[in-house]
C-alpha atoms as a PDB file:
ATOM      1  CA  MET A   1       0.000   0.000   0.000  1.00  0.00           C
ATOM      2  CA  THR A   2       1.392   3.388  -1.031  1.00  0.00           C
ATOM      3  CA  ALA A   3       2.051   5.789   1.855  1.00  0.00           C
ATOM      4  CA  PRO A   4       0.160   9.114   1.773  1.00  0.00           C
ATOM      5  CA  ALA A   5       2.031  11.979   0.142  1.00  0.00           C
ATOM      6  CA  LEU A   6       3.980  14.396   2.309  1.00  0.00           C
ATOM      7  CA  THR A   7       2.218  17.685   2.976  1.00  0.00           C
ATOM      8  CA  LEU A   8       5.030  19.178   5.058  1.00  0.00           C
ATOM      9  CA  ASP A   9       8.717  18.267   5.007  1.00  0.00           C
ATOM     10  CA  VAL A  10      11.058  20.119   7.374  1.00  0.00           C
ATOM     11  CA  LYS A  11      14.833  19.601   7.251  1.00  0.00           C
ATOM     12  CA  ASP A  12      17.447  20.903   9.710  1.00  0.00           C
ATOM     13  CA  LEU A  13      15.315  23.884  10.757  1.00  0.00           C
ATOM     14  CA  THR A  14      17.300  26.248  12.982  1.00  0.00           C
ATOM     15  CA  LYS A  15      16.569  29.598  14.600  1.00  0.00           C
ATOM     16  CA  VAL A  16      19.313  31.437  16.472  1.00  0.00           C
ATOM     17  CA  PHE A  17      18.457  34.518  18.509  1.00  0.00           C
ATOM     18  CA  ARG A  18      21.050  37.022  19.657  1.00  0.00           C
ATOM     19  CA  VAL A  19      20.399  37.768  23.320  1.00  0.00           C
ATOM     20  CA  GLN A  20      21.810  40.745  25.199  1.00  0.00           C
ATOM     21  CA  GLY A  21      23.015  40.382  28.766  1.00  0.00           C
ATOM     22  CA  GLY A  22      25.381  41.829  31.310  1.00  0.00           C
ATOM     23  CA  LEU A  23      25.706  45.460  32.333  1.00  0.00           C
ATOM     24  CA  PHE A  24      24.016  47.768  29.783  1.00  0.00           C
ATOM     25  CA  GLY A  25      23.371  44.741  27.562  1.00  0.00           C
ATOM     26  CA  ARG A  26      26.938  44.691  26.286  1.00  0.00           C
ATOM     27  CA  ASN A  27      27.296  40.932  26.356  1.00  0.00           C
ATOM     28  CA  ILE A  28      25.628  39.330  23.354  1.00  0.00           C
ATOM     29  CA  ARG A  29      25.286  35.582  23.063  1.00  0.00           C
ATOM     30  CA  ALA A  30      23.670  33.343  20.487  1.00  0.00           C
ATOM     31  CA  VAL A  31      20.814  31.101  21.644  1.00  0.00           C
ATOM     32  CA  ALA A  32      19.493  28.350  19.376  1.00  0.00           C
ATOM     33  CA  ALA A  33      15.767  28.276  20.164  1.00  0.00           C
ATOM     34  CA  VAL A  34      15.295  25.655  17.443  1.00  0.00           C
ATOM     35  CA  ASN A  35      18.309  23.532  16.580  1.00  0.00           C
ATOM     36  CA  GLY A  36      18.412  21.237  13.548  1.00  0.00           C
ATOM     37  CA  VAL A  37      14.786  20.113  13.716  1.00  0.00           C
ATOM     38  CA  SER A  38      13.591  17.705  11.005  1.00  0.00           C
ATOM     39  CA  PHE A  39      10.169  16.089  10.624  1.00  0.00           C
ATOM     40  CA  SER A  40       7.441  15.454   8.075  1.00  0.00           C
ATOM     41  CA  VAL A  41       3.652  15.376   8.094  1.00  0.00           C
ATOM     42  CA  ARG A  42       1.737  13.142   5.711  1.00  0.00           C
ATOM     43  CA  ARG A  43      -1.546  13.973   4.039  1.00  0.00           C
ATOM     44  CA  GLY A  44      -4.383  13.577   6.575  1.00  0.00           C
ATOM     45  CA  GLU A  45      -1.978  13.056   9.489  1.00  0.00           C
ATOM     46  CA  THR A  46      -1.761  14.900  12.798  1.00  0.00           C
ATOM     47  CA  LEU A  47       1.719  15.325  14.277  1.00  0.00           C
ATOM     48  CA  GLY A  48       2.013  16.458  17.893  1.00  0.00           C
ATOM     49  CA  LEU A  49       4.863  18.615  19.222  1.00  0.00           C
ATOM     50  CA  VAL A  50       5.282  18.315  22.989  1.00  0.00           C
ATOM     51  CA  GLY A  51       7.784  19.461  25.584  1.00  0.00           C
ATOM     52  CA  GLU A  52       8.073  21.772  28.558  1.00  0.00           C
ATOM     53  CA  SER A  53       8.023  25.564  28.299  1.00  0.00           C
ATOM     54  CA  GLY A  54      11.059  26.851  26.435  1.00  0.00           C
ATOM     55  CA  SER A  55      11.586  23.655  24.455  1.00  0.00           C
ATOM     56  CA  GLY A  56      11.056  25.432  21.119  1.00  0.00           C
ATOM     57  CA  LYS A  57       7.540  24.258  20.208  1.00  0.00           C
ATOM     58  CA  SER A  58       5.957  27.660  19.575  1.00  0.00           C
ATOM     59  CA  THR A  59       9.075  29.002  17.869  1.00  0.00           C
ATOM     60  CA  THR A  60       8.911  26.026  15.511  1.00  0.00           C
ATOM     61  CA  ALA A  61       5.261  26.825  14.771  1.00  0.00           C
ATOM     62  CA  ARG A  62       6.090  30.409  13.850  1.00  0.00           C
ATOM     63  CA  LEU A  63       9.012  29.315  11.724  1.00  0.00           C
ATOM     64  CA  LEU A  64       6.777  26.998   9.705  1.00  0.00           C
ATOM     65  CA  LEU A  65       4.661  29.956   8.588  1.00  0.00           C
ATOM     66  CA  ARG A  66       7.682  32.268   8.454  1.00  0.00           C
ATOM     67  CA  LEU A  67       6.133  34.591  11.000  1.00  0.00           C
ATOM     68  CA  ILE A  68       9.765  34.698  12.083  1.00  0.00           C
ATOM     69  CA  GLU A  69      12.602  33.974   9.675  1.00  0.00           C
ATOM     70  CA  PRO A  70      14.661  30.780  10.063  1.00  0.00           C
ATOM     71  CA  THR A  71      18.422  31.028  10.413  1.00  0.00           C
ATOM     72  CA  SER A  72      18.826  27.928   8.257  1.00  0.00           C
ATOM     73  CA  GLY A  73      16.993  24.835   7.081  1.00  0.00           C
ATOM     74  CA  THR A  74      14.200  24.125   4.616  1.00  0.00           C
ATOM     75  CA  ILE A  75      10.401  24.083   4.919  1.00  0.00           C
ATOM     76  CA  ARG A  76       8.633  22.353   2.040  1.00  0.00           C
ATOM     77  CA  LEU A  77       4.857  22.500   1.635  1.00  0.00           C
ATOM     78  CA  ASN A  78       3.668  20.092  -1.059  1.00  0.00           C
ATOM     79  CA  GLY A  79       7.207  20.075  -2.444  1.00  0.00           C
ATOM     80  CA  GLN A  80       7.545  23.873  -2.610  1.00  0.00           C
ATOM     81  CA  ASP A  81      10.403  25.303  -0.524  1.00  0.00           C
ATOM     82  CA  LEU A  82       8.882  28.149   1.502  1.00  0.00           C
ATOM     83  CA  SER A  83      12.080  29.027   3.353  1.00  0.00           C
ATOM     84  CA  THR A  84      13.613  30.863   0.385  1.00  0.00           C
ATOM     85  CA  LEU A  85      10.544  32.520  -1.122  1.00  0.00           C
ATOM     86  CA  PRO A  86      10.575  36.338  -1.266  1.00  0.00           C
ATOM     87  CA  PRO A  87       7.749  38.055   0.693  1.00  0.00           C
ATOM     88  CA  SER A  88       5.783  38.798  -2.482  1.00  0.00           C
ATOM     89  CA  GLU A  89       5.551  35.094  -3.367  1.00  0.00           C
ATOM     90  CA  LEU A  90       5.233  33.899   0.219  1.00  0.00           C
ATOM     91  CA  ARG A  91       1.962  35.745   0.727  1.00  0.00           C
ATOM     92  CA  SER A  92       0.297  33.884  -2.127  1.00  0.00           C
ATOM     93  CA  ARG A  93       1.588  30.542  -0.799  1.00  0.00           C
ATOM     94  CA  ARG A  94       0.482  31.146   2.790  1.00  0.00           C
ATOM     95  CA  GLY A  95      -3.056  30.121   1.926  1.00  0.00           C
ATOM     96  CA  GLY A  96      -1.862  26.520   1.939  1.00  0.00           C
ATOM     97  CA  MET A  97      -0.777  26.740   5.570  1.00  0.00           C
ATOM     98  CA  GLN A  98      -2.828  28.376   8.337  1.00  0.00           C
ATOM     99  CA  MET A  99      -2.400  28.815  12.087  1.00  0.00           C
ATOM    100  CA  VAL A 100      -4.763  28.633  15.064  1.00  0.00           C
ATOM    101  CA  PHE A 101      -3.376  30.483  18.081  1.00  0.00           C
ATOM    102  CA  GLN A 102      -3.792  29.856  21.799  1.00  0.00           C
ATOM    103  CA  ASP A 103      -5.767  33.028  22.557  1.00  0.00           C
ATOM    104  CA  PRO A 104      -8.726  33.300  20.155  1.00  0.00           C
ATOM    105  CA  PHE A 105      -9.697  36.759  21.421  1.00  0.00           C
ATOM    106  CA  ALA A 106      -6.238  38.208  20.765  1.00  0.00           C
ATOM    107  CA  SER A 107      -6.159  36.692  17.267  1.00  0.00           C
ATOM    108  CA  LEU A 108      -9.483  38.299  16.270  1.00  0.00           C
ATOM    109  CA  ASN A 109      -9.914  42.007  15.544  1.00  0.00           C
ATOM    110  CA  PRO A 110     -12.401  43.377  18.125  1.00  0.00           C
ATOM    111  CA  ARG A 111     -13.468  46.193  15.773  1.00  0.00           C
ATOM    112  CA  LEU A 112     -14.505  43.988  12.864  1.00  0.00           C
ATOM    113  CA  SER A 113     -17.501  41.696  12.594  1.00  0.00           C
ATOM    114  CA  ILE A 114     -16.931  37.962  12.470  1.00  0.00           C
ATOM    115  CA  GLY A 115     -18.372  37.808   8.972  1.00  0.00           C
ATOM    116  CA  TYR A 116     -15.896  40.406   7.720  1.00  0.00           C
ATOM    117  CA  GLN A 117     -12.939  38.584   9.283  1.00  0.00           C
ATOM    118  CA  LEU A 118     -13.964  35.276   7.715  1.00  0.00           C
ATOM    119  CA  ALA A 119     -14.586  36.842   4.309  1.00  0.00           C
ATOM    120  CA  GLU A 120     -11.332  38.805   4.212  1.00  0.00           C
ATOM    121  CA  PRO A 121      -8.954  35.877   3.477  1.00  0.00           C
ATOM    122  CA  LEU A 122     -11.315  34.619   0.770  1.00  0.00           C
ATOM    123  CA  ILE A 123     -11.153  37.970  -0.994  1.00  0.00           C
ATOM    124  CA  VAL A 124      -7.446  38.652  -0.348  1.00  0.00           C
ATOM    125  CA  HIS A 125      -6.417  35.276  -1.799  1.00  0.00           C
ATOM    126  CA  GLY A 126      -8.705  35.776  -4.796  1.00  0.00           C
ATOM    127  CA  ILE A 127     -10.833  32.736  -4.007  1.00  0.00           C
ATOM    128  CA  CYS A 128     -14.131  34.518  -4.576  1.00  0.00           C
ATOM    129  CA  GLY A 129     -15.851  37.904  -4.715  1.00  0.00           C
ATOM    130  CA  ARG A 130     -17.793  39.599  -1.932  1.00  0.00           C
ATOM    131  CA  ASP A 131     -21.183  38.153  -2.840  1.00  0.00           C
ATOM    132  CA  GLU A 132     -19.960  34.568  -2.871  1.00  0.00           C
ATOM    133  CA  ALA A 133     -17.880  35.260   0.254  1.00  0.00           C
ATOM    134  CA  ARG A 134     -21.092  35.882   2.227  1.00  0.00           C
ATOM    135  CA  ILE A 135     -22.395  32.472   1.211  1.00  0.00           C
ATOM    136  CA  ARG A 136     -19.093  30.815   2.111  1.00  0.00           C
ATOM    137  CA  VAL A 137     -18.980  32.581   5.487  1.00  0.00           C
ATOM    138  CA  ALA A 138     -22.409  31.173   6.353  1.00  0.00           C
ATOM    139  CA  ALA A 139     -21.226  27.688   5.377  1.00  0.00           C
ATOM    140  CA  LEU A 140     -18.022  28.070   7.428  1.00  0.00           C
ATOM    141  CA  LEU A 141     -19.951  29.085  10.535  1.00  0.00           C
ATOM    142  CA  GLU A 142     -22.258  26.098  10.152  1.00  0.00           C
ATOM    143  CA  ARG A 143     -19.262  23.823   9.648  1.00  0.00           C
ATOM    144  CA  VAL A 144     -17.805  24.802  13.032  1.00  0.00           C
ATOM    145  CA  GLY A 145     -21.162  24.571  14.800  1.00  0.00           C
ATOM    146  CA  LEU A 146     -22.183  28.249  14.892  1.00  0.00           C
ATOM    147  CA  ASN A 147     -25.347  29.920  13.620  1.00  0.00           C
ATOM    148  CA  PRO A 148     -24.756  31.874  10.371  1.00  0.00           C
ATOM    149  CA  ARG A 149     -26.838  34.695  11.845  1.00  0.00           C
ATOM    150  CA  HIS A 150     -23.845  35.475  14.077  1.00  0.00           C
ATOM    151  CA  ALA A 151     -21.855  36.756  11.087  1.00  0.00           C
ATOM    152  CA  ASP A 152     -22.689  40.366  11.981  1.00  0.00           C
ATOM    153  CA  SER A 153     -21.635  39.937  15.625  1.00  0.00           C
ATOM    154  CA  TYR A 154     -18.285  40.969  17.133  1.00  0.00           C
ATOM    155  CA  PRO A 155     -15.681  38.875  19.011  1.00  0.00           C
ATOM    156  CA  HIS A 156     -16.617  40.174  22.479  1.00  0.00           C
ATOM    157  CA  GLN A 157     -20.136  38.797  22.017  1.00  0.00           C
ATOM    158  CA  PHE A 158     -18.902  35.197  21.952  1.00  0.00           C
ATOM    159  CA  SER A 159     -17.624  32.799  24.606  1.00  0.00           C
ATOM    160  CA  GLY A 160     -14.036  31.531  24.577  1.00  0.00           C
ATOM    161  CA  GLY A 161     -15.046  28.257  22.949  1.00  0.00           C
ATOM    162  CA  GLN A 162     -17.095  30.039  20.301  1.00  0.00           C
ATOM    163  CA  ARG A 163     -14.194  32.383  19.520  1.00  0.00           C
ATOM    164  CA  GLN A 164     -11.897  29.413  19.024  1.00  0.00           C
ATOM    165  CA  ARG A 165     -14.453  27.904  16.651  1.00  0.00           C
ATOM    166  CA  ILE A 166     -14.372  31.191  14.717  1.00  0.00           C
ATOM    167  CA  ALA A 167     -10.562  31.100  14.630  1.00  0.00           C
ATOM    168  CA  ILE A 168     -10.728  27.567  13.229  1.00  0.00           C
ATOM    169  CA  ALA A 169     -13.300  28.673  10.640  1.00  0.00           C
ATOM    170  CA  ARG A 170     -10.989  31.483   9.556  1.00  0.00           C
ATOM    171  CA  ALA A 171      -8.089  29.045   9.184  1.00  0.00           C
ATOM    172  CA  LEU A 172     -10.270  26.746   7.068  1.00  0.00           C
ATOM    173  CA  ALA A 173     -11.640  29.554   4.887  1.00  0.00           C
ATOM    174  CA  VAL A 174      -8.879  29.305   2.282  1.00  0.00           C
ATOM    175  CA  GLU A 175      -8.990  25.480   2.262  1.00  0.00           C
ATOM    176  CA  PRO A 176      -5.402  24.955   3.461  1.00  0.00           C
ATOM    177  CA  ASP A 177      -3.445  21.735   3.179  1.00  0.00           C
ATOM    178  CA  LEU A 178      -1.940  22.185   6.651  1.00  0.00           C
ATOM    179  CA  VAL A 179      -3.109  23.785   9.897  1.00  0.00           C
ATOM    180  CA  VAL A 180      -0.691  24.567  12.732  1.00  0.00           C
ATOM    181  CA  ALA A 181      -2.543  24.613  16.071  1.00  0.00           C
ATOM    182  CA  ASP A 182      -0.370  26.203  18.774  1.00  0.00           C
ATOM    183  CA  GLU A 183      -1.855  25.414  22.215  1.00  0.00           C
ATOM    184  CA  ALA A 184      -5.252  25.878  20.563  1.00  0.00           C
ATOM    185  CA  VAL A 185      -7.257  24.400  23.459  1.00  0.00           C
ATOM    186  CA  SER A 186      -5.088  25.116  26.505  1.00  0.00           C
ATOM    187  CA  ALA A 187      -6.939  28.329  27.468  1.00  0.00           C
ATOM    188  CA  LEU A 188     -10.384  26.711  27.305  1.00  0.00           C
ATOM    189  CA  ASP A 189     -12.575  25.101  29.936  1.00  0.00           C
ATOM    190  CA  VAL A 190     -12.268  21.319  29.976  1.00  0.00           C
ATOM    191  CA  SER A 191     -15.751  20.687  28.507  1.00  0.00           C
ATOM    192  CA  VAL A 192     -15.220  23.282  25.760  1.00  0.00           C
ATOM    193  CA  ARG A 193     -11.819  21.759  25.096  1.00  0.00           C
ATOM    194  CA  ALA A 194     -13.400  18.394  24.318  1.00  0.00           C
ATOM    195  CA  GLN A 195     -15.807  19.991  21.854  1.00  0.00           C
ATOM    196  CA  ILE A 196     -12.982  21.780  20.020  1.00  0.00           C
ATOM    197  CA  LEU A 197     -10.904  18.588  19.891  1.00  0.00           C
ATOM    198  CA  ASN A 198     -13.868  16.709  18.432  1.00  0.00           C
ATOM    199  CA  LEU A 199     -14.352  19.507  15.901  1.00  0.00           C
ATOM    200  CA  ILE A 200     -10.693  19.362  14.835  1.00  0.00           C
ATOM    201  CA  ALA A 201     -10.862  15.574  14.491  1.00  0.00           C
ATOM    202  CA  ASP A 202     -14.061  15.763  12.413  1.00  0.00           C
ATOM    203  CA  ILE A 203     -12.632  18.431  10.102  1.00  0.00           C
ATOM    204  CA  ARG A 204      -9.446  16.447   9.579  1.00  0.00           C
ATOM    205  CA  ALA A 205     -11.456  13.364   8.638  1.00  0.00           C
ATOM    206  CA  GLU A 206     -13.737  15.293   6.268  1.00  0.00           C
ATOM    207  CA  SER A 207     -10.991  17.274   4.522  1.00  0.00           C
ATOM    208  CA  ASN A 208      -8.011  14.892   4.763  1.00  0.00           C
ATOM    209  CA  LEU A 209      -6.276  17.837   6.424  1.00  0.00           C
ATOM    210  CA  SER A 210      -2.729  17.676   7.804  1.00  0.00           C
ATOM    211  CA  ILE A 211      -2.230  19.173  11.262  1.00  0.00           C
ATOM    212  CA  VAL A 212       0.723  20.110  13.449  1.00  0.00           C
ATOM    213  CA  PHE A 213      -0.750  20.096  16.958  1.00  0.00           C
ATOM    214  CA  ILE A 214       1.315  21.772  19.684  1.00  0.00           C
ATOM    215  CA  SER A 215       0.412  21.230  23.326  1.00  0.00           C
ATOM    216  CA  HIS A 216       1.890  20.766  26.777  1.00  0.00           C
ATOM    217  CA  ASP A 217      -1.100  18.571  27.752  1.00  0.00           C
ATOM    218  CA  LEU A 218      -0.005  15.011  27.046  1.00  0.00           C
ATOM    219  CA  GLY A 219      -3.517  13.656  27.633  1.00  0.00           C
ATOM    220  CA  VAL A 220      -4.892  15.884  24.887  1.00  0.00           C
ATOM    221  CA  VAL A 221      -2.038  14.906  22.579  1.00  0.00           C
ATOM    222  CA  TRP A 222      -2.724  11.225  23.211  1.00  0.00           C
ATOM    223  CA  GLN A 223      -6.336  11.677  22.110  1.00  0.00           C
ATOM    224  CA  ILE A 224      -5.836  13.589  18.868  1.00  0.00           C
ATOM    225  CA  VAL A 225      -2.450  12.937  17.204  1.00  0.00           C
ATOM    226  CA  ASP A 226      -1.112  10.051  15.131  1.00  0.00           C
ATOM    227  CA  ARG A 227       2.585  10.668  15.717  1.00  0.00           C
ATOM    228  CA  VAL A 228       4.383  12.782  18.286  1.00  0.00           C
ATOM    229  CA  ALA A 229       7.740  14.574  18.438  1.00  0.00           C
ATOM    230  CA  VAL A 230       9.171  15.353  21.874  1.00  0.00           C
ATOM    231  CA  MET A 231      11.254  18.541  22.021  1.00  0.00           C
ATOM    232  CA  TYR A 232      13.900  19.563  24.539  1.00  0.00           C
ATOM    233  CA  ARG A 233      16.029  22.707  24.279  1.00  0.00           C
ATOM    234  CA  GLY A 234      15.203  23.245  20.636  1.00  0.00           C
ATOM    235  CA  ARG A 235      15.858  19.675  19.512  1.00  0.00           C
ATOM    236  CA  ILE A 236      13.622  16.705  18.802  1.00  0.00           C
ATOM    237  CA  VAL A 237      14.762  14.000  21.217  1.00  0.00           C
ATOM    238  CA  GLU A 238      12.172  11.342  20.355  1.00  0.00           C
ATOM    239  CA  MET A 239       9.606  10.846  17.610  1.00  0.00           C
ATOM    240  CA  GLY A 240       7.202   8.116  16.581  1.00  0.00           C
ATOM    241  CA  PRO A 241       3.613   6.849  16.792  1.00  0.00           C
ATOM    242  CA  VAL A 242       2.006   8.394  19.868  1.00  0.00           C
ATOM    243  CA  LYS A 243       1.020   5.055  21.411  1.00  0.00           C
ATOM    244  CA  THR A 244       4.567   3.762  20.985  1.00  0.00           C
ATOM    245  CA  VAL A 245       6.339   6.866  22.295  1.00  0.00           C
ATOM    246  CA  PHE A 246       4.016   7.284  25.290  1.00  0.00           C
ATOM    247  CA  GLY A 247       3.811   3.566  26.056  1.00  0.00           C
ATOM    248  CA  GLU A 248       7.407   2.556  25.307  1.00  0.00           C
ATOM    249  CA  PRO A 249       9.526   5.730  25.572  1.00  0.00           C
ATOM    250  CA  ARG A 250      13.116   5.381  24.415  1.00  0.00           C
ATOM    251  CA  HIS A 251      14.484   8.672  25.724  1.00  0.00           C
ATOM    252  CA  PRO A 252      14.951   9.480  29.440  1.00  0.00           C
ATOM    253  CA  TYR A 253      13.367  12.908  29.002  1.00  0.00           C
ATOM    254  CA  THR A 254      10.217  11.461  27.434  1.00  0.00           C
ATOM    255  CA  ARG A 255       9.828   9.020  30.300  1.00  0.00           C
ATOM    256  CA  GLU A 256      10.340  11.728  32.931  1.00  0.00           C
ATOM    257  CA  LEU A 257       7.879  13.994  31.134  1.00  0.00           C
ATOM    258  CA  LEU A 258       5.261  11.239  31.240  1.00  0.00           C
ATOM    259  CA  GLU A 259       5.970  10.381  34.867  1.00  0.00           C
ATOM    260  CA  ALA A 260       5.600  14.036  35.846  1.00  0.00           C
ATOM    261  CA  MET A 261       2.082  14.231  34.443  1.00  0.00           C
ATOM    262  CA  PRO A 262      -0.469  14.698  37.272  1.00  0.00           C
ATOM    263  CA  LEU A 263      -3.604  12.559  37.321  1.00  0.00           C
ATOM    264  CA  ALA A 264      -7.077  13.564  38.395  1.00  0.00           C
ATOM    265  CA  ARG A 265      -7.438  10.361  40.457  1.00  0.00           C
ATOM    266  CA  PRO A 266      -4.976  10.535  43.383  1.00  0.00           C
ATOM    267  CA  GLY A 267      -5.018   6.768  43.872  1.00  0.00           C
ATOM    268  CA  ALA A 268      -4.283   5.931  40.252  1.00  0.00           C
ATOM    269  CA  ARG A 269      -0.537   6.112  40.856  1.00  0.00           C
ATOM    270  CA  THR A 270       1.103   6.224  44.270  1.00  0.00           C
ATOM    271  CA  ALA A 271       3.618   8.879  43.252  1.00  0.00           C
ATOM    272  CA  HIS A 272       4.603  10.843  40.217  1.00  0.00           C
ATOM    273  CA  ARG A 273       8.028  12.108  39.419  1.00  0.00           C
ATOM    274  CA  VAL A 274       8.752  15.821  39.658  1.00  0.00           C
ATOM    275  CA  LEU A 275      10.945  16.935  36.779  1.00  0.00           C
ATOM    276  CA  PRO A 276      14.131  18.603  38.012  1.00  0.00           C
ATOM    277  CA  PRO A 277      14.262  22.235  36.896  1.00  0.00           C
ATOM    278  CA  ASP A 278      16.185  23.182  33.784  1.00  0.00           C
ATOM    279  CA  ASP A 279      18.520  25.986  34.825  1.00  0.00           C
ATOM    280  CA  GLY A 280      19.306  26.760  31.190  1.00  0.00           C
ATOM    281  CA  ALA A 281      22.963  26.023  31.736  1.00  0.00           C
ATOM    282  CA  GLY A 282      24.823  23.845  29.322  1.00  0.00           C
ATOM    283  CA  SER A 283      28.319  23.276  28.113  1.00  0.00           C
ATOM    284  CA  GLY A 284      27.335  23.688  24.475  1.00  0.00           C
ATOM    285  CA  THR A 285      28.693  20.229  23.711  1.00  0.00           C
ATOM    286  CA  GLY A 286      27.241  16.796  24.238  1.00  0.00           C
ATOM    287  CA  CYS A 287      23.635  15.855  24.894  1.00  0.00           C
ATOM    288  CA  ALA A 288      21.426  18.782  25.922  1.00  0.00           C
ATOM    289  CA  PHE A 289      19.712  16.589  28.537  1.00  0.00           C
ATOM    290  CA  ALA A 290      22.962  15.376  30.128  1.00  0.00           C
ATOM    291  CA  ALA A 291      22.707  17.598  33.224  1.00  0.00           C
ATOM    292  CA  ARG A 292      19.291  16.137  34.132  1.00  0.00           C
ATOM    293  CA  CYS A 293      19.621  12.598  32.787  1.00  0.00           C
ATOM    294  CA  PRO A 294      19.681   9.599  35.172  1.00  0.00           C
ATOM    295  CA  LEU A 295      21.547   7.526  32.550  1.00  0.00           C
ATOM    296  CA  VAL A 296      24.253  10.065  31.703  1.00  0.00           C
ATOM    297  CA  THR A 297      27.811   8.934  30.918  1.00  0.00           C
ATOM    298  CA  ASP A 298      30.973  10.809  29.996  1.00  0.00           C
ATOM    299  CA  HIS A 299      30.273  10.017  26.347  1.00  0.00           C
ATOM    300  CA  CYS A 300      26.899  11.796  26.639  1.00  0.00           C
ATOM    301  CA  ARG A 301      28.645  14.949  27.886  1.00  0.00           C
ATOM    302  CA  GLU A 302      31.153  14.906  25.051  1.00  0.00           C
ATOM    303  CA  ALA A 303      29.053  14.032  21.980  1.00  0.00           C
ATOM    304  CA  SER A 304      25.568  14.954  20.823  1.00  0.00           C
ATOM    305  CA  PRO A 305      23.467  11.862  20.055  1.00  0.00           C
ATOM    306  CA  PRO A 306      21.750  11.835  16.639  1.00  0.00           C
ATOM    307  CA  LEU A 307      18.077  11.023  16.189  1.00  0.00           C
ATOM    308  CA  ALA A 308      18.373   7.341  15.284  1.00  0.00           C
ATOM    309  CA  ASP A 309      15.870   4.560  14.619  1.00  0.00           C
ATOM    310  CA  VAL A 310      14.964   2.408  17.627  1.00  0.00           C
ATOM    311  CA  GLY A 311      11.927   0.696  16.087  1.00  0.00           C
ATOM    312  CA  PRO A 312       9.410   0.941  13.241  1.00  0.00           C
ATOM    313  CA  ASP A 313       8.866   4.667  12.557  1.00  0.00           C
ATOM    314  CA  HIS A 314      10.331   5.333  16.036  1.00  0.00           C
ATOM    315  CA  ALA A 315      13.508   7.357  16.638  1.00  0.00           C
ATOM    316  CA  SER A 316      15.378   8.552  19.723  1.00  0.00           C
ATOM    317  CA  ALA A 317      18.335  10.878  20.269  1.00  0.00           C
ATOM    318  CA  CYS A 318      19.917   8.882  23.085  1.00  0.00           C
ATOM    319  CA  PHE A 319      23.067   6.765  23.186  1.00  0.00           C
ATOM    320  CA  ARG A 320      21.420   4.549  25.819  1.00  0.00           C
ATOM    321  CA  ALA A 321      17.944   4.333  24.300  1.00  0.00           C
ATOM    322  CA  ALA A 322      17.839   0.552  24.740  1.00  0.00           C
ATOM    323  CA  GLU A 323      18.265   1.001  28.504  1.00  0.00           C
ATOM    324  CA  VAL A 324      15.261   3.300  28.971  1.00  0.00           C
ATOM    325  CA  THR A 325      12.677   1.220  30.816  1.00  0.00           C
ATOM    326  CA  PRO A 326       9.316   1.118  29.007  1.00  0.00           C
ATOM    327  CA  PHE A 327       6.068   1.286  30.937  1.00  0.00           C
ATOM    328  CA  GLU A 328       4.391  -2.021  31.680  1.00  0.00           C
ATOM    329  CA  PRO A 329       1.464  -2.808  29.343  1.00  0.00           C
ATOM    330  CA  GLY A 330      -1.511  -0.664  30.318  1.00  0.00           C
ATOM    331  CA  VAL A 331       0.484   1.321  32.894  1.00  0.00           C
ATOM    332  CA  SER A 332       1.530   4.366  30.829  1.00  0.00           C
ATOM    333  CA  PRO A 333       0.133   7.404  32.688  1.00  0.00           C
ATOM    334  CA  VAL A 334      -1.174   9.210  29.633  1.00  0.00           C
ATOM    335  CA  PRO A 335      -3.874   6.747  28.549  1.00  0.00           C
ATOM    336  CA  ALA A 336      -5.183   6.664  32.133  1.00  0.00           C
ATOM    337  CA  ALA A 337      -5.253  10.443  32.273  1.00  0.00           C
ATOM    338  CA  ALA A 338      -6.984  10.664  28.907  1.00  0.00           C
ATOM    339  CA  GLN A 339      -9.588   8.134  29.985  1.00  0.00           C
ATOM    340  CA  ASP A 340     -10.082  10.068  33.210  1.00  0.00           C
ATOM    341  CA  ARG A 341     -10.650  13.277  31.267  1.00  0.00           C
ATOM    342  CA  LEU A 342     -13.111  11.646  28.879  1.00  0.00           C
ATOM    343  CA  ARG A 343     -15.050  10.175  31.797  1.00  0.00           C
ATOM    344  CA  ARG A 344     -15.414  13.602  33.410  1.00  0.00           C
ATOM    345  CA  LEU A 345     -16.502  15.151  30.113  1.00  0.00           C
ATOM    346  CA  GLN A 346     -19.136  12.469  29.603  1.00  0.00           C
ATOM    347  CA  ASP A 347     -20.460  13.094  33.111  1.00  0.00           C
ATOM    348  CA  ARG A 348     -20.730  16.815  32.400  1.00  0.00           C
ATOM    349  CA  PHE A 349     -22.430  16.195  29.073  1.00  0.00           C
ATOM    350  CA  LEU A 350     -24.984  13.843  30.637  1.00  0.00           C
ATOM    351  CA  ALA A 351     -25.628  16.440  33.342  1.00  0.00           C
ATOM    352  CA  GLY A 352     -26.625  18.908  30.617  1.00  0.00           C
ATOM    353  CA  GLU A 353     -23.643  21.261  30.962  1.00  0.00           C
ATOM    354  CA  ASP A 354     -22.749  23.024  27.719  1.00  0.00           C
ATOM    355  CA  ALA A 355     -19.933  25.176  26.402  1.00  0.00           C
END
């Protein structure tokens, strides 16, 4: 069976920021927020990017759409290299890749009606004229579960969940091949979050849409993505099918990240591991996780491990990947947490609570 075509192909993506420090900001140092990141997303696939704050997830998202310029690397959308396109050409290509931000209120213009904001990308990208745009706006609102009569309303007249639905409708307006969702549900109430996740899943199935889904909530990631990439200090340290990575992690950081995840049921696990803080210090050589790794050796401090295959479609950047203890079958904390969350949502739904 032929594998689905690649929608997105990222190679060695790097972003270096120059940071001022010291007295009067005279000391300038280079910080690689994203360092040699490579991944691909197939047609109709959802890839999750996870990691703690500062791992480079959101910077990667902005690099994909060239909201910030990469230092090096390539970003190919349907075979077209976006990383070298001049601004004049990039604007016309951006319709193929859209973004849904964490804060739906901040991403919507409070002075413009929802209908205007949904119609604008249709007109700007030359998809249709104003008359047809009104018809398409009504269809978009219905598609995301909102009444078309709300087209003349303004962002402040909607709830947080409704605003995120509008943001999703705007992203879908130009019929993109790829949507980048950066913490798109993290600011929402848990019941609203479930509705938005279901909406995203339905839209992906209907449109064969490719999605890069960024979240710090591993339970949410477990529910919605096909594959997951774990990031640490700007690098991908593990990548593979979500059930494999979360059930049989092959990088010490992935395992610690999973063990640190709190559960809603206190008795579900007697104790969870608290991740040691990342002080940001590093020698600049060797494995970035060496200072926090329980399996560290001198070799780890001296050489940077490449992302290498450890199983079918499963890769880890660890010299001692084979020694990382997998979870026992059915014991991985994420599935339990996801099931816990779904159970609470079902209880709320049956009780008649709505978003």
